[in-house]
Amino acid sequence: MTRHLLLATLLSTTIAGAAFAATVDPADTLAENQSFSFWLLDATATLDPQLIESVEDSDVARQLFEGLYTEADNGDLIPAGALDYTVSDDKLTYTFHLRPESKWSNGDPVTAGDYVYAWQRLADPATASSYAWYAELAQIENATAVIAGEKPPTDLGVKAVDDLTLEVKLAQPLPYFVKMTVHSALLPVHKATIDAFGAKWTDPGNLVGNGAYVLSEHKPGEKVVVSRNHNYWNDAATVLETGVFLTINDNSIALTRYDAGELDNVAIPSGMYPQLSADRPDEAFSAPRACTYYYLMNMDAEKGPEALKDPRVRLALSYAVDRNIITDKILQSGQIPAYTLTPAAMAGFTVPEVDYATWTQEERNEKAKALLAEAGYGPDNPLKLTLNYNTDEGHKKIAIAVQQFYKAIGVELTLNNMEWKVHSDIMHERTYELARSAWCGDYNEASTFLDLFTSSSGFNDVAYMSEAYDKLMAESKTMADPQPNYTEAEKLLAADMPIIPIYHYTSSRMLKADIRGYASHNVFGNWYLKDIYRVAE
């Protein structure tokens, strides 16, 4: 999707896109069964929009809550809670005109005050949101001071002019600001419900949302069930009655349950795409995703291992990973070997060439051995590290391969498997050595990746601190063309190597042939139950 260009002040901006809900082809006959079941690898940790961190949690929350805009399959923005917006001449004030027919699932009207409350709640230190920094990234006025506790949340640059008019003030112009409003962190929430139920406000029977569906059942680690919200503003155009999200920690078992009819959509296990796409072309598909798979290297001054504070060691560990074996032999679904953080799928971004990407693997291995020797590691003093990864057969296969890659350069790697919640907590606490991680973009601009490793990032789990990097990213916010800074930022990451980029994702999935309307090519994986329907076989 090309960058949405802002128009002059007071010119009403409407974003065209696909239909607001399911558009049924006249040639299709609807099935009697209008349900859809979706696979989640890990249990949902929270359905609170301001606390969500994972893709899985976002997949569910996207059905229960609706923000100012949603996304089409091709990434175009679609008016949702907002009908349109205007922007001031200085590009600092956005005025959103809200949809008057929007209601909460309990029948209350959705107002501008609901967005103000949610956004202030995100930035409020009392909420302890890992995504508080998102308000700062969005350049919302006073976000930095509010997050730091230096100003009250009420000073955040967002206010309700009236019930249907939301005004947002930015600290500096940000061309992609409206794109950022799609993210779960900026979804509105119902204050009266949170006040009434506290931490239990997201439980079935308590949760009040403004999305096309309501929460019917939630058994953590097992399943989430949602059903149609008949107070949703466009419920008349919604077809699916229910959505079921099943948590299955093993991708191969999930595929078996897909084949048994328990799931309608599942990721394809590593190495199986070529055969499944040949045998079942009407169900298997693969499309680019705005995601990068990488290993974290803990550089924390107090908690990280001493070895990883040496850039020579970090470079050696990255060089020794044979990315082509991982993408071509293990995954086999069109994934792209990664030598930089940001994938080419991001709008307007050109992947810069970094030196080690041009070497052969033999050259990388020789350089890795030399760097380790310089750092004091060798046969008489082998480097020993532990890699944590969360439960998944694909993660395990990659970890075993990396263990062998490291053995070839004299590094002894111990593998440590754990469930996602424990793994995630350990990463945030920085009590690991190496850790499997990944990032899927929050909006269609390269900064959604590169801002991760600024000093202020809530997800800088490697403790990478670089004044030069921070400066590049800060300057990029006001540049007409930030690509030069993005290029230099990627080169800094390649030189300092706080992470080991491994591959850029594709979305390789199985989808039942009778399903229509699923956004299979959205590079962020943003899809909506309200757009889906099932045809008679």
Protein backbone atom coordinates (compact mmCIF):
# COMPACT_ATOMS: atom_id res chain seq x y z
CA MET A 1 0.00 0.00 0.00
CA THR A 2 1.39 3.38 -0.94
CA ARG A 3 1.62 5.99 1.73
CA HIS A 4 -1.65 7.84 2.24
CA LEU A 5 -0.99 11.46 1.33
CA LEU A 6 -2.56 14.12 3.53
CA LEU A 7 -4.70 16.82 1.98
CA ALA A 8 -4.85 20.50 2.82
CA THR A 9 -6.49 21.78 5.96
CA LEU A 10 -10.26 21.46 6.26
CA LEU A 11 -10.43 19.19 3.22
CA SER A 12 -12.41 16.16 4.35
CA THR A 13 -10.43 12.99 3.70
CA THR A 14 -12.35 9.78 3.03
CA ILE A 15 -10.41 6.59 2.44
CA ALA A 16 -11.94 4.31 -0.13
CA GLY A 17 -11.64 0.58 0.20
CA ALA A 18 -13.41 -2.73 0.23
CA ALA A 19 -16.89 -3.27 1.65
CA PHE A 20 -17.48 -2.69 5.35
CA ALA A 21 -18.59 -6.30 5.94
CA ALA A 22 -19.10 -9.54 4.07
CA THR A 23 -19.84 -8.99 0.39
CA VAL A 24 -21.57 -12.14 -0.78
CA ASP A 25 -21.05 -13.04 -4.43
CA PRO A 26 -24.49 -13.38 -6.09
CA ALA A 27 -23.32 -16.69 -7.55
CA ASP A 28 -22.67 -18.12 -4.08
CA THR A 29 -25.18 -20.06 -2.03
CA LEU A 30 -24.63 -19.60 1.68
CA ALA A 31 -24.11 -22.69 3.81
CA GLU A 32 -26.38 -23.32 6.76
CA ASN A 33 -23.32 -23.54 9.00
CA GLN A 34 -21.94 -20.02 9.34
CA SER A 35 -19.08 -20.58 11.75
CA PHE A 36 -15.32 -20.24 11.32
CA SER A 37 -12.57 -21.87 13.40
CA PHE A 38 -9.03 -20.47 13.53
CA TRP A 39 -5.82 -21.92 14.97
CA LEU A 40 -3.81 -20.18 17.68
CA LEU A 41 -0.37 -21.55 18.50
CA ASP A 42 -0.30 -20.01 21.96
CA ALA A 43 -2.92 -19.23 24.59
CA THR A 44 -4.34 -15.73 24.60
CA ALA A 45 -2.63 -13.79 27.37
CA THR A 46 -5.11 -10.90 27.42
CA LEU A 47 -7.99 -9.43 25.43
CA ASP A 48 -7.41 -5.96 26.87
CA PRO A 49 -6.48 -3.82 23.83
CA GLN A 50 -4.07 -1.62 25.77
CA LEU A 51 -2.22 -4.66 27.18
CA ILE A 52 -2.06 -6.88 24.07
CA GLU A 53 1.41 -7.85 22.84
CA SER A 54 0.94 -10.93 20.64
CA VAL A 55 -0.44 -11.57 17.16
CA GLU A 56 -2.75 -14.25 18.60
CA ASP A 57 -4.33 -11.85 21.08
CA SER A 58 -4.76 -9.25 18.33
CA ASP A 59 -6.48 -11.81 16.07
CA VAL A 60 -9.19 -12.25 18.71
CA ALA A 61 -9.44 -8.62 19.86
CA ARG A 62 -9.89 -7.45 16.26
CA GLN A 63 -13.28 -9.17 16.25
CA LEU A 64 -14.40 -7.72 19.60
CA PHE A 65 -13.29 -4.10 19.17
CA GLU A 66 -13.18 -1.69 16.26
CA GLY A 67 -10.93 1.34 15.92
CA LEU A 68 -11.05 4.40 13.72
CA TYR A 69 -9.95 2.41 10.66
CA THR A 70 -9.62 -1.21 9.57
CA GLU A 71 -7.64 -2.67 6.66
CA ALA A 72 -8.56 -4.28 3.37
CA ASP A 73 -6.78 -7.38 2.06
CA ASN A 74 -4.47 -5.14 0.01
CA GLY A 75 -3.68 -2.95 3.03
CA ASP A 76 -5.87 0.02 2.08
CA LEU A 77 -7.47 1.79 5.03
CA ILE A 78 -11.24 1.46 5.45
CA PRO A 79 -13.34 3.88 7.53
CA ALA A 80 -14.67 2.05 10.58
CA GLY A 81 -15.26 3.95 13.83
CA ALA A 82 -14.41 7.12 11.90
CA LEU A 83 -16.14 8.25 8.72
CA ASP A 84 -13.34 10.60 7.68
CA TYR A 85 -10.84 13.11 9.06
CA THR A 86 -9.35 16.52 8.40
CA VAL A 87 -5.79 17.68 9.05
CA SER A 88 -4.48 21.16 9.78
CA ASP A 89 -2.07 23.07 7.54
CA ASP A 90 0.84 22.35 9.87
CA LYS A 91 -0.02 18.62 9.84
CA LEU A 92 -0.16 18.58 13.64
CA THR A 93 -3.91 18.41 14.33
CA TYR A 94 -6.13 15.56 13.13
CA THR A 95 -9.87 15.81 13.52
CA PHE A 96 -11.77 12.53 13.16
CA HIS A 97 -15.51 12.53 12.53
CA LEU A 98 -16.97 9.45 14.17
CA ARG A 99 -19.70 7.18 12.86
CA PRO A 100 -22.92 8.22 14.66
CA GLU A 101 -24.50 4.76 14.49
CA SER A 102 -21.62 3.00 16.29
CA LYS A 103 -22.66 1.31 19.52
CA TRP A 104 -21.10 -0.76 22.24
CA SER A 105 -22.37 -4.30 22.61
CA ASN A 106 -24.53 -3.21 25.58
CA GLY A 107 -26.24 -0.56 23.42
CA ASP A 108 -24.32 2.50 24.64
CA PRO A 109 -23.19 4.90 21.90
CA VAL A 110 -19.48 4.90 21.02
CA THR A 111 -18.21 8.42 21.62
CA ALA A 112 -15.02 10.38 21.14
CA GLY A 113 -14.59 10.21 24.91
CA ASP A 114 -14.15 6.44 24.65
CA TYR A 115 -11.12 6.92 22.40
CA VAL A 116 -9.74 9.62 24.70
CA TYR A 117 -10.07 7.30 27.69
CA ALA A 118 -8.42 4.36 25.90
CA TRP A 119 -5.49 6.37 24.55
CA GLN A 120 -4.87 8.06 27.89
CA ARG A 121 -5.07 4.66 29.53
CA LEU A 122 -2.44 3.32 27.12
CA ALA A 123 0.04 6.06 28.05
CA ASP A 124 -0.78 6.06 31.78
CA PRO A 125 2.11 4.48 33.76
CA ALA A 126 -0.49 2.96 36.09
CA THR A 127 -1.67 0.71 33.23
CA ALA A 128 1.87 -0.69 32.86
CA SER A 129 1.35 -1.35 29.18
CA SER A 130 4.30 -2.72 27.23
CA TYR A 131 2.81 -0.84 24.29
CA ALA A 132 2.72 2.57 26.02
CA TRP A 133 5.60 3.57 23.74
CA TYR A 134 3.19 3.25 20.78
CA ALA A 135 1.61 6.56 21.78
CA GLU A 136 5.08 8.08 21.69
CA LEU A 137 5.85 6.49 18.30
CA ALA A 138 2.60 7.97 17.00
CA GLN A 139 3.99 11.38 18.05
CA ILE A 140 0.88 12.16 20.13
CA GLU A 141 1.52 15.42 21.97
CA ASN A 142 2.92 14.98 25.51
CA ALA A 143 3.06 11.19 25.18
CA THR A 144 6.69 11.04 26.28
CA ALA A 145 6.04 13.09 29.41
CA VAL A 146 2.86 11.16 30.30
CA ILE A 147 4.57 7.79 29.91
CA ALA A 148 7.43 9.01 32.11
CA GLY A 149 4.97 10.13 34.77
CA GLU A 150 6.00 13.75 34.36
CA LYS A 151 2.53 14.85 33.22
CA PRO A 152 -0.93 13.46 33.98
CA PRO A 153 -2.67 11.29 31.35
CA THR A 154 -5.19 14.09 30.82
CA ASP A 155 -2.38 16.13 29.22
CA LEU A 156 -2.07 13.65 26.34
CA GLY A 157 -2.81 15.40 23.05
CA VAL A 158 -6.23 13.88 22.46
CA LYS A 159 -9.65 15.32 23.31
CA ALA A 160 -13.35 14.95 22.57
CA VAL A 161 -14.55 18.13 20.88
CA ASP A 162 -18.02 16.61 21.15
CA ASP A 163 -19.38 13.06 21.19
CA LEU A 164 -18.70 12.56 17.49
CA THR A 165 -15.52 14.61 17.03
CA LEU A 166 -12.11 13.37 18.15
CA GLU A 167 -9.16 15.75 18.00
CA VAL A 168 -5.58 14.50 18.11
CA LYS A 169 -2.57 16.79 18.38
CA LEU A 170 0.87 15.56 17.35
CA ALA A 171 4.21 16.76 18.63
CA GLN A 172 5.54 16.74 15.07
CA PRO A 173 4.14 15.78 11.66
CA LEU A 174 3.94 12.07 10.96
CA PRO A 175 2.81 11.16 7.43
CA TYR A 176 1.71 7.65 8.40
CA PHE A 177 -0.16 8.57 11.60
CA VAL A 178 -3.59 7.43 10.38
CA LYS A 179 -2.15 4.03 9.42
CA MET A 180 -1.13 3.60 13.03
CA THR A 181 -4.72 3.86 14.28
CA VAL A 182 -5.47 0.34 13.01
CA HIS A 183 -3.37 -1.20 15.79
CA SER A 184 -4.96 -2.84 18.83
CA ALA A 185 -3.26 -0.41 21.24
CA LEU A 186 -5.49 2.42 19.94
CA LEU A 187 -8.79 0.54 20.04
CA PRO A 188 -11.47 2.21 22.18
CA VAL A 189 -12.58 0.58 25.44
CA HIS A 190 -15.68 0.97 27.60
CA LYS A 191 -14.76 2.85 30.79
CA ALA A 192 -17.86 1.90 32.79
CA THR A 193 -17.11 -1.79 32.25
CA ILE A 194 -13.50 -1.45 33.35
CA ASP A 195 -14.59 0.56 36.40
CA ALA A 196 -17.16 -2.10 37.30
CA PHE A 197 -15.09 -5.24 36.85
CA GLY A 198 -11.44 -4.18 37.12
CA ALA A 199 -9.02 -6.88 35.91
CA LYS A 200 -11.98 -9.17 35.14
CA TRP A 201 -13.55 -6.79 32.64
CA THR A 202 -12.49 -8.97 29.69
CA ASP A 203 -14.19 -12.11 31.07
CA PRO A 204 -17.16 -13.59 29.17
CA GLY A 205 -20.34 -11.88 30.33
CA ASN A 206 -18.39 -8.80 31.44
CA LEU A 207 -16.64 -7.66 28.27
CA VAL A 208 -18.35 -4.85 26.40
CA GLY A 209 -16.88 -4.22 22.94
CA ASN A 210 -17.78 -2.27 19.81
CA GLY A 211 -16.70 -4.87 17.25
CA ALA A 212 -18.82 -7.14 15.12
CA TYR A 213 -18.65 -9.93 17.70
CA VAL A 214 -18.99 -10.42 21.46
CA LEU A 215 -17.11 -12.80 23.73
CA SER A 216 -19.18 -15.91 24.46
CA GLU A 217 -16.62 -18.25 25.98
CA HIS A 218 -12.96 -18.15 26.99
CA LYS A 219 -11.10 -21.16 28.32
CA PRO A 220 -7.47 -19.99 28.57
CA GLY A 221 -5.10 -22.31 26.77
CA GLU A 222 -7.99 -24.14 25.10
CA LYS A 223 -10.40 -21.94 23.15
CA VAL A 224 -12.11 -18.60 22.67
CA VAL A 225 -15.61 -18.39 21.20
CA VAL A 226 -17.17 -15.19 19.82
CA SER A 227 -20.70 -14.65 18.51
CA ARG A 228 -22.40 -11.91 16.54
CA ASN A 229 -22.88 -8.57 18.21
CA HIS A 230 -26.34 -7.52 17.11
CA ASN A 231 -25.65 -3.98 18.33
CA TYR A 232 -22.76 -3.66 15.85
CA TRP A 233 -23.44 -0.78 13.47
CA ASN A 234 -23.28 -3.03 10.38
CA ASP A 235 -24.57 -6.29 11.82
CA ALA A 236 -27.08 -6.54 8.96
CA ALA A 237 -24.20 -7.16 6.54
CA THR A 238 -22.43 -9.68 8.80
CA VAL A 239 -22.89 -13.34 7.83
CA LEU A 240 -20.80 -15.52 10.15
CA GLU A 241 -22.64 -16.32 13.37
CA THR A 242 -19.67 -17.55 15.42
CA GLY A 243 -15.91 -17.65 15.46
CA VAL A 244 -13.92 -20.25 17.38
CA PHE A 245 -10.22 -19.83 18.21
CA LEU A 246 -8.55 -23.08 19.24
CA THR A 247 -5.18 -23.07 21.04
CA ILE A 248 -3.03 -26.00 19.91
CA ASN A 249 0.67 -25.81 20.82
CA ASP A 250 1.77 -28.26 18.10
CA ASN A 251 1.43 -27.18 14.46
CA SER A 252 1.40 -30.77 13.17
CA ILE A 253 -1.42 -31.69 15.55
CA ALA A 254 -3.25 -28.55 14.46
CA LEU A 255 -3.01 -29.67 10.82
CA THR A 256 -4.38 -33.07 11.80
CA ARG A 257 -7.33 -31.38 13.48
CA TYR A 258 -7.80 -29.22 10.38
CA ASP A 259 -8.00 -32.40 8.31
CA ALA A 260 -10.55 -33.76 10.80
CA GLY A 261 -12.76 -30.71 10.25
CA GLU A 262 -12.12 -29.01 13.59
CA LEU A 263 -10.28 -26.05 12.06
CA ASP A 264 -10.95 -23.97 8.97
CA ASN A 265 -7.61 -22.15 8.91
CA VAL A 266 -4.19 -23.33 10.07
CA ALA A 267 -0.55 -22.53 9.41
CA ILE A 268 1.31 -25.10 7.33
CA PRO A 269 4.03 -26.90 9.32
CA SER A 270 7.64 -26.37 8.31
CA GLY A 271 8.64 -28.20 5.15
CA MET A 272 5.12 -29.27 4.14
CA TYR A 273 4.07 -26.44 1.84
CA PRO A 274 5.42 -27.89 -1.45
CA GLN A 275 3.54 -31.14 -1.02
CA LEU A 276 0.31 -29.63 0.32
CA SER A 277 0.17 -26.95 -2.37
CA ALA A 278 0.62 -29.65 -5.03
CA ASP A 279 -1.95 -32.01 -3.52
CA ARG A 280 -4.53 -29.43 -2.40
CA PRO A 281 -4.08 -26.23 -4.40
CA ASP A 282 -7.60 -25.04 -3.56
CA GLU A 283 -6.69 -24.94 0.15
CA ALA A 284 -2.96 -24.17 0.46
CA PHE A 285 -1.65 -20.65 -0.10
CA SER A 286 1.48 -18.64 0.65
CA ALA A 287 1.78 -14.85 0.70
CA PRO A 288 4.34 -12.33 2.01
CA ARG A 289 4.03 -11.17 5.62
CA ALA A 290 5.42 -8.05 7.23
CA CYS A 291 7.24 -10.14 9.84
CA THR A 292 10.84 -11.01 10.63
CA TYR A 293 12.09 -14.05 12.59
CA TYR A 294 15.22 -13.46 14.66
CA TYR A 295 17.19 -14.43 17.75
CA LEU A 296 17.73 -11.95 20.56
CA MET A 297 21.15 -11.64 22.21
CA ASN A 298 20.93 -10.34 25.76
CA MET A 299 23.26 -7.35 26.14
CA ASP A 300 21.89 -6.19 29.50
CA ALA A 301 24.76 -4.84 31.58
CA GLU A 302 23.67 -6.70 34.71
CA LYS A 303 21.65 -9.68 33.49
CA GLY A 304 23.22 -10.59 30.15
CA PRO A 305 26.14 -13.02 29.78
CA GLU A 306 29.55 -11.38 29.56
CA ALA A 307 30.29 -12.94 26.17
CA LEU A 308 27.37 -11.20 24.48
CA LYS A 309 28.62 -7.78 25.51
CA ASP A 310 31.45 -8.30 23.00
CA PRO A 311 30.34 -7.27 19.48
CA ARG A 312 32.80 -9.75 17.96
CA VAL A 313 30.91 -12.61 19.60
CA ARG A 314 27.53 -11.28 18.46
CA LEU A 315 28.79 -10.90 14.89
CA ALA A 316 30.21 -14.43 14.92
CA LEU A 317 26.93 -15.91 16.13
CA SER A 318 25.02 -14.15 13.38
CA TYR A 319 27.47 -14.99 10.60
CA ALA A 320 27.39 -18.71 11.45
CA VAL A 321 23.64 -19.07 10.86
CA ASP A 322 23.08 -20.55 7.39
CA ARG A 323 19.84 -18.80 6.52
CA ASN A 324 19.47 -20.55 3.16
CA ILE A 325 19.37 -23.97 4.79
CA ILE A 326 16.62 -22.72 7.11
CA THR A 327 14.48 -21.20 4.35
CA ASP A 328 15.12 -23.73 1.56
CA LYS A 329 15.51 -27.01 3.45
CA ILE A 330 13.54 -26.61 6.68
CA LEU A 331 10.73 -24.13 5.99
CA GLN A 332 10.23 -24.47 2.22
CA SER A 333 7.40 -21.95 1.96
CA GLY A 334 9.03 -19.04 0.15
CA GLN A 335 10.55 -17.37 3.21
CA ILE A 336 13.35 -14.92 2.46
CA PRO A 337 16.76 -15.14 4.19
CA ALA A 338 17.15 -12.07 6.40
CA TYR A 339 20.33 -10.08 6.91
CA THR A 340 18.49 -6.92 7.99
CA LEU A 341 15.59 -6.37 10.35
CA THR A 342 13.04 -4.76 8.04
CA PRO A 343 11.41 -6.84 5.29
CA ALA A 344 11.00 -5.62 1.72
CA ALA A 345 7.21 -5.98 2.13
CA MET A 346 7.08 -2.61 3.91
CA ALA A 347 5.68 0.19 1.78
CA GLY A 348 8.30 2.55 0.39
CA PHE A 349 11.24 0.70 1.93
CA THR A 350 14.33 -0.45 0.07
CA VAL A 351 16.33 -3.16 1.82
CA PRO A 352 19.92 -1.90 2.06
CA GLU A 353 22.85 -4.14 1.20
CA VAL A 354 24.94 -5.05 4.24
CA ASP A 355 28.36 -6.59 3.77
CA TYR A 356 27.88 -10.06 5.27
CA ALA A 357 24.82 -10.65 3.08
CA THR A 358 27.13 -10.72 0.04
CA TRP A 359 29.52 -13.35 1.44
CA THR A 360 29.29 -17.08 0.91
CA GLN A 361 28.41 -19.15 3.96
CA GLU A 362 31.95 -20.52 3.97
CA GLU A 363 33.29 -16.96 4.19
CA ARG A 364 30.88 -16.17 7.03
CA ASN A 365 31.95 -19.24 8.96
CA GLU A 366 35.64 -18.45 8.59
CA LYS A 367 35.04 -14.87 9.71
CA ALA A 368 32.99 -16.15 12.67
CA LYS A 369 35.82 -18.45 13.81
CA ALA A 370 38.34 -15.62 13.54
CA LEU A 371 36.13 -13.24 15.55
CA LEU A 372 35.61 -15.81 18.29
CA ALA A 373 39.36 -16.40 18.47
CA GLU A 374 39.95 -12.65 18.78
CA ALA A 375 37.42 -12.59 21.61
CA GLY A 376 39.30 -15.35 23.42
CA TYR A 377 37.16 -18.37 22.59
CA GLY A 378 38.42 -21.61 21.06
CA PRO A 379 38.96 -25.35 21.73
CA ASP A 380 40.50 -24.66 25.15
CA ASN A 381 37.82 -22.13 26.10
CA PRO A 382 34.63 -22.96 24.19
CA LEU A 383 31.79 -20.46 24.18
CA LYS A 384 28.74 -21.99 25.88
CA LEU A 385 25.29 -20.44 25.57
CA THR A 386 21.63 -21.38 26.05
CA LEU A 387 18.92 -20.63 23.50
CA ASN A 388 15.30 -20.32 24.70
CA TYR A 389 12.46 -20.93 22.26
CA ASN A 390 8.71 -21.25 22.69
CA THR A 391 6.88 -24.48 21.95
CA ASP A 392 6.48 -25.11 18.23
CA GLU A 393 7.87 -27.79 15.94
CA GLY A 394 9.16 -25.19 13.48
CA HIS A 395 11.03 -23.26 16.18
CA LYS A 396 12.51 -26.55 17.39
CA LYS A 397 13.75 -27.54 13.92
CA ILE A 398 15.41 -24.15 13.43
CA ALA A 399 16.98 -24.27 16.90
CA ILE A 400 18.43 -27.74 16.23
CA ALA A 401 19.86 -26.50 12.93
CA VAL A 402 21.44 -23.47 14.62
CA GLN A 403 22.89 -25.78 17.27
CA GLN A 404 24.69 -27.62 14.45
CA PHE A 405 25.78 -24.39 12.75
CA TYR A 406 27.35 -23.27 16.03
CA LYS A 407 29.02 -26.61 16.62
CA ALA A 408 30.89 -26.06 13.35
CA ILE A 409 32.48 -22.89 14.75
CA GLY A 410 33.17 -24.33 18.21
CA VAL A 411 30.17 -22.93 20.10
CA GLU A 412 28.24 -25.22 22.44
CA LEU A 413 24.54 -24.34 22.35
CA THR A 414 22.02 -25.76 24.83
CA LEU A 415 18.36 -25.65 23.74
CA ASN A 416 15.64 -24.72 26.21
CA ASN A 417 11.97 -25.10 25.19
CA MET A 418 9.18 -23.37 27.16
CA GLU A 419 5.58 -22.24 26.82
CA TRP A 420 4.97 -18.82 25.28
CA LYS A 421 3.88 -16.93 28.43
CA VAL A 422 6.99 -18.00 30.35
CA HIS A 423 9.20 -17.35 27.34
CA SER A 424 7.72 -13.87 26.83
CA ASP A 425 8.15 -12.93 30.49
CA ILE A 426 11.78 -14.06 30.49
CA MET A 427 12.52 -11.98 27.40
CA HIS A 428 10.99 -8.85 28.94
CA GLU A 429 12.84 -9.49 32.21
CA ARG A 430 16.10 -10.00 30.27
CA THR A 431 16.94 -13.16 32.19
CA TYR A 432 17.97 -15.18 29.14
CA GLU A 433 21.08 -15.57 26.98
CA LEU A 434 19.74 -16.17 23.46
CA ALA A 435 16.01 -16.19 22.70
CA ARG A 436 13.86 -16.91 19.68
CA SER A 437 11.68 -13.94 18.81
CA ALA A 438 9.92 -12.28 15.90
CA TRP A 439 8.21 -9.04 15.03
CA CYS A 440 5.20 -8.41 12.80
CA GLY A 441 4.72 -4.80 11.78
CA ASP A 442 2.04 -2.70 13.44
CA TYR A 443 1.58 -0.37 10.46
CA ASN A 444 2.84 -0.20 6.89
CA GLU A 445 6.05 1.79 7.33
CA ALA A 446 9.60 0.66 8.06
CA SER A 447 9.75 2.47 11.39
CA THR A 448 7.43 -0.15 12.86
CA PHE A 449 10.48 -2.44 12.80
CA LEU A 450 13.35 -0.02 13.28
CA ASP A 451 11.82 1.76 16.29
CA LEU A 452 11.93 -1.56 18.17
CA PHE A 453 15.57 -1.11 19.09
CA THR A 454 15.57 2.52 20.11
CA SER A 455 16.47 3.11 23.76
CA SER A 456 12.88 4.03 24.68
CA SER A 457 11.23 1.01 23.04
CA GLY A 458 9.06 -1.16 25.25
CA PHE A 459 10.24 -4.19 23.27
CA ASN A 460 13.99 -3.56 23.29
CA ASP A 461 14.51 -6.87 25.09
CA VAL A 462 18.22 -6.99 24.16
CA ALA A 463 19.09 -3.72 25.97
CA TYR A 464 20.59 -2.23 22.81
CA MET A 465 21.55 1.37 23.59
CA SER A 466 22.96 3.46 20.76
CA GLU A 467 22.84 7.25 20.67
CA ALA A 468 23.62 7.17 16.96
CA TYR A 469 20.74 4.77 16.28
CA ASP A 470 18.32 6.79 18.41
CA LYS A 471 19.32 9.95 16.56
CA LEU A 472 18.76 8.38 13.14
CA MET A 473 15.28 7.21 14.11
CA ALA A 474 14.35 10.51 15.76
CA GLU A 475 15.45 12.45 12.66
CA SER A 476 13.51 10.11 10.36
CA LYS A 477 10.19 11.27 11.85
CA THR A 478 10.40 14.65 10.15
CA MET A 479 12.08 13.65 6.89
CA ALA A 480 10.18 13.81 3.61
CA ASP A 481 12.12 10.69 2.59
CA PRO A 482 13.41 8.77 5.63
CA GLN A 483 15.02 6.00 3.56
CA PRO A 484 18.60 7.33 3.98
CA ASN A 485 18.22 7.18 7.75
CA TYR A 486 16.60 3.75 7.58
CA THR A 487 19.55 2.52 5.50
CA GLU A 488 22.03 3.83 8.07
CA ALA A 489 19.99 2.39 10.94
CA GLU A 490 20.03 -1.06 9.33
CA LYS A 491 23.79 -0.77 8.77
CA LEU A 492 24.25 0.09 12.44
CA LEU A 493 22.27 -2.98 13.45
CA ALA A 494 24.42 -5.09 11.11
CA ALA A 495 27.59 -3.66 12.70
CA ASP A 496 26.47 -3.86 16.34
CA MET A 497 24.36 -7.03 15.81
CA PRO A 498 22.06 -6.97 18.86
CA ILE A 499 19.86 -9.53 17.11
CA ILE A 500 20.39 -12.32 14.58
CA PRO A 501 17.97 -11.77 11.65
CA ILE A 502 17.08 -15.18 10.24
CA TYR A 503 14.22 -14.88 7.75
CA HIS A 504 11.36 -12.72 6.55
CA TYR A 505 8.02 -14.47 6.78
CA THR A 506 5.47 -15.71 4.37
CA SER A 507 1.98 -16.64 5.51
CA SER A 508 1.67 -20.29 4.45
CA ARG A 509 -1.70 -21.59 5.48
CA MET A 510 -4.48 -24.02 4.77
CA LEU A 511 -7.95 -22.53 4.30
CA LYS A 512 -11.07 -24.59 3.74
CA ALA A 513 -12.29 -24.31 0.16
CA ASP A 514 -15.81 -23.24 1.19
CA ILE A 515 -14.57 -20.10 2.97
CA ARG A 516 -14.91 -16.70 1.28
CA GLY A 517 -13.74 -13.24 2.34
CA TYR A 518 -10.68 -14.19 4.39
CA ALA A 519 -7.89 -11.60 3.93
CA SER A 520 -5.22 -14.04 2.80
CA HIS A 521 -2.85 -11.45 1.33
CA ASN A 522 -2.83 -8.75 4.00
CA VAL A 523 0.87 -8.41 4.85
CA PHE A 524 0.02 -7.71 8.50
CA GLY A 525 -2.30 -10.67 8.82
CA ASN A 526 -5.22 -8.35 9.60
CA TRP A 527 -8.44 -10.24 8.89
CA TYR A 528 -11.99 -9.81 10.16
CA LEU A 529 -14.70 -12.38 10.82
CA LYS A 530 -17.30 -9.85 9.64
CA ASP A 531 -15.86 -10.09 6.11
CA ILE A 532 -16.04 -13.89 5.96
CA TYR A 533 -18.82 -16.27 4.94
CA ARG A 534 -19.19 -19.95 4.16
CA VAL A 535 -20.69 -21.32 0.93
CA ALA A 536 -22.71 -24.48 0.47
CA GLU A 537 -20.65 -27.37 -0.88
